[in-house]
């Protein structure tokens, strides 16, 4: 495993560990955003491991990730859709200002589910 891949994985794990605590403290928007970012960084890890580089933009990571896993039988449609769906939580948390524009507990809880991160890690060789 490349050192950069390890750094992306470490950041992903740190964020995924933090998200439930944020939710428990009723920081629901922050929990949703953090869960998305955990997925974003694990996707960057896979991209870097496979291509030796990773885009920095959210759209670039989502596009390249989708291309890398499109024929991967271990990645279900639900897993493929995670980044786009969870990005909406980040967008709500960061940009929406209308009344009621908040991440719901159900949305944050669904994003915190560790299946996406686990599925992507399983595609990276030599992960401790």
Protein backbone atom coordinates (compact mmCIF):
# COMPACT_ATOMS: atom_id res chain seq x y z
CA UNK A 1 0.00 0.00 0.00
CA UNK A 2 1.29 3.46 -0.92
CA UNK A 3 1.92 5.92 1.95
CA UNK A 4 -0.58 8.40 0.51
CA UNK A 5 -3.22 5.67 0.43
CA UNK A 6 -2.54 5.04 4.12
CA UNK A 7 -2.94 8.73 4.90
CA UNK A 8 -6.32 8.86 3.13
CA UNK A 9 -7.42 5.72 5.01
CA UNK A 10 -6.32 7.15 8.36
CA UNK A 11 -8.32 10.32 7.73
CA UNK A 12 -11.35 8.29 6.68
CA UNK A 13 -11.21 6.15 9.82
CA UNK A 14 -10.75 9.20 12.06
CA UNK A 15 -13.81 10.88 10.54
CA UNK A 16 -15.93 7.74 10.63
CA UNK A 17 -15.07 7.29 14.31
CA UNK A 18 -16.00 10.92 15.05
CA UNK A 19 -19.37 10.96 13.27
CA UNK A 20 -21.35 8.87 15.82
CA UNK A 21 -20.12 11.08 18.67
CA UNK A 22 -21.30 14.17 16.81
CA UNK A 23 -24.69 12.56 16.27
CA UNK A 24 -24.93 11.56 19.94
CA UNK A 25 -24.26 15.20 20.90
CA UNK A 26 -27.06 16.30 18.56
CA UNK A 27 -24.68 17.89 16.01
CA UNK A 28 -26.67 16.27 13.24
CA UNK A 29 -25.49 18.41 10.31
CA UNK A 30 -21.89 17.90 11.41
CA UNK A 31 -22.41 14.15 11.75
CA UNK A 32 -23.79 13.91 8.22
CA UNK A 33 -20.98 16.03 6.75
CA UNK A 34 -18.34 14.06 8.64
CA UNK A 35 -19.75 10.71 7.49
CA UNK A 36 -19.65 11.93 3.88
CA UNK A 37 -16.05 13.08 4.27
CA UNK A 38 -15.08 9.66 5.64
CA UNK A 39 -16.43 8.17 2.42
CA UNK A 40 -14.75 10.85 0.32
CA UNK A 41 -11.33 10.08 1.81
CA UNK A 42 -11.67 6.31 1.46
CA UNK A 43 -12.62 6.84 -2.19
CA UNK A 44 -9.50 8.99 -2.57
CA UNK A 45 -7.48 6.15 -1.04
CA UNK A 46 -8.74 3.67 -3.63
CA UNK A 47 -8.16 6.11 -6.47
CA UNK A 48 -4.64 6.90 -5.30
CA UNK A 49 -3.78 3.25 -4.85
CA UNK A 50 -5.02 2.40 -8.35
CA UNK A 51 -3.83 5.49 -10.23
CA UNK A 52 -1.07 7.13 -8.19
CA UNK A 53 -3.03 10.35 -7.93
CA UNK A 54 -6.40 11.51 -6.70
CA UNK A 55 -8.54 14.47 -7.69
CA UNK A 56 -9.15 16.96 -4.93
CA UNK A 57 -12.63 18.10 -5.98
CA UNK A 58 -15.71 16.29 -4.77
CA UNK A 59 -17.04 15.89 -8.28
CA UNK A 60 -13.71 14.59 -9.54
CA UNK A 61 -13.47 11.99 -6.79
CA UNK A 62 -17.07 10.89 -7.32
CA UNK A 63 -16.60 10.55 -11.08
CA UNK A 64 -13.30 8.70 -10.92
CA UNK A 65 -14.51 6.44 -8.12
CA UNK A 66 -17.58 5.52 -10.17
CA UNK A 67 -15.38 4.65 -13.13
CA UNK A 68 -13.07 2.48 -11.02
CA UNK A 69 -15.84 0.41 -9.43
CA UNK A 70 -18.33 0.20 -12.32
CA UNK A 71 -17.44 -3.42 -13.09
CA UNK A 72 -16.53 -4.44 -9.55
CA UNK A 73 -18.96 -7.19 -8.47
CA UNK A 74 -18.32 -6.60 -4.76
CA UNK A 75 -19.65 -3.05 -5.03
CA UNK A 76 -23.44 -2.98 -4.97
CA UNK A 77 -25.58 -0.25 -6.50
CA UNK A 78 -26.26 1.05 -2.99
CA UNK A 79 -22.52 1.37 -2.36
CA UNK A 80 -21.97 3.03 -5.76
CA UNK A 81 -24.62 5.63 -4.94
CA UNK A 82 -23.26 6.50 -1.49
CA UNK A 83 -20.93 9.36 -2.42
CA UNK A 84 -23.51 11.27 -4.42
CA UNK A 85 -26.22 10.71 -1.85
CA UNK A 86 -24.00 11.59 1.10
CA UNK A 87 -22.58 14.66 -0.66
CA UNK A 88 -26.07 16.10 -0.39
CA UNK A 89 -25.65 16.01 3.40
CA UNK A 90 -22.46 18.04 3.13
CA UNK A 91 -24.21 20.50 0.82
CA UNK A 92 -27.12 20.87 3.23
CA UNK A 93 -24.79 21.33 6.20
CA UNK A 94 -22.48 23.78 4.43
CA UNK A 95 -24.66 25.80 2.09
CA UNK A 96 -28.40 25.56 2.72
CA UNK A 97 -29.91 28.43 4.67
CA UNK A 98 -33.65 28.05 4.16
CA UNK A 99 -35.75 27.23 7.21
CA UNK A 100 -35.79 23.49 7.77
CA UNK A 101 -32.66 22.94 5.66
CA UNK A 102 -30.99 20.51 7.98
CA UNK A 103 -29.69 16.98 7.83
CA UNK A 104 -32.13 14.64 9.56
CA UNK A 105 -31.16 12.10 12.19
CA UNK A 106 -32.19 9.32 9.78
CA UNK A 107 -29.99 10.73 7.00
CA UNK A 108 -26.98 11.12 9.29
CA UNK A 109 -27.47 7.66 10.77
CA UNK A 110 -27.65 6.10 7.30
CA UNK A 111 -24.47 7.91 6.20
CA UNK A 112 -22.58 6.79 9.30
CA UNK A 113 -23.20 3.16 8.38
CA UNK A 114 -19.72 1.72 7.82
CA UNK A 115 -20.59 -0.48 4.82
CA UNK A 116 -19.30 1.98 2.22
CA UNK A 117 -15.93 2.42 3.90
CA UNK A 118 -15.58 -1.32 4.52
CA UNK A 119 -16.48 -2.19 0.92
CA UNK A 120 -13.94 0.23 -0.50
CA UNK A 121 -11.18 -0.83 1.92
CA UNK A 122 -11.74 -4.43 0.79
CA UNK A 123 -10.68 -3.35 -2.72
CA UNK A 124 -7.33 -1.98 -1.55
CA UNK A 125 -4.57 -4.57 -1.26
CA UNK A 126 -2.47 -4.91 1.90
CA UNK A 127 -4.61 -2.81 4.22
CA UNK A 128 -3.81 -3.68 7.82
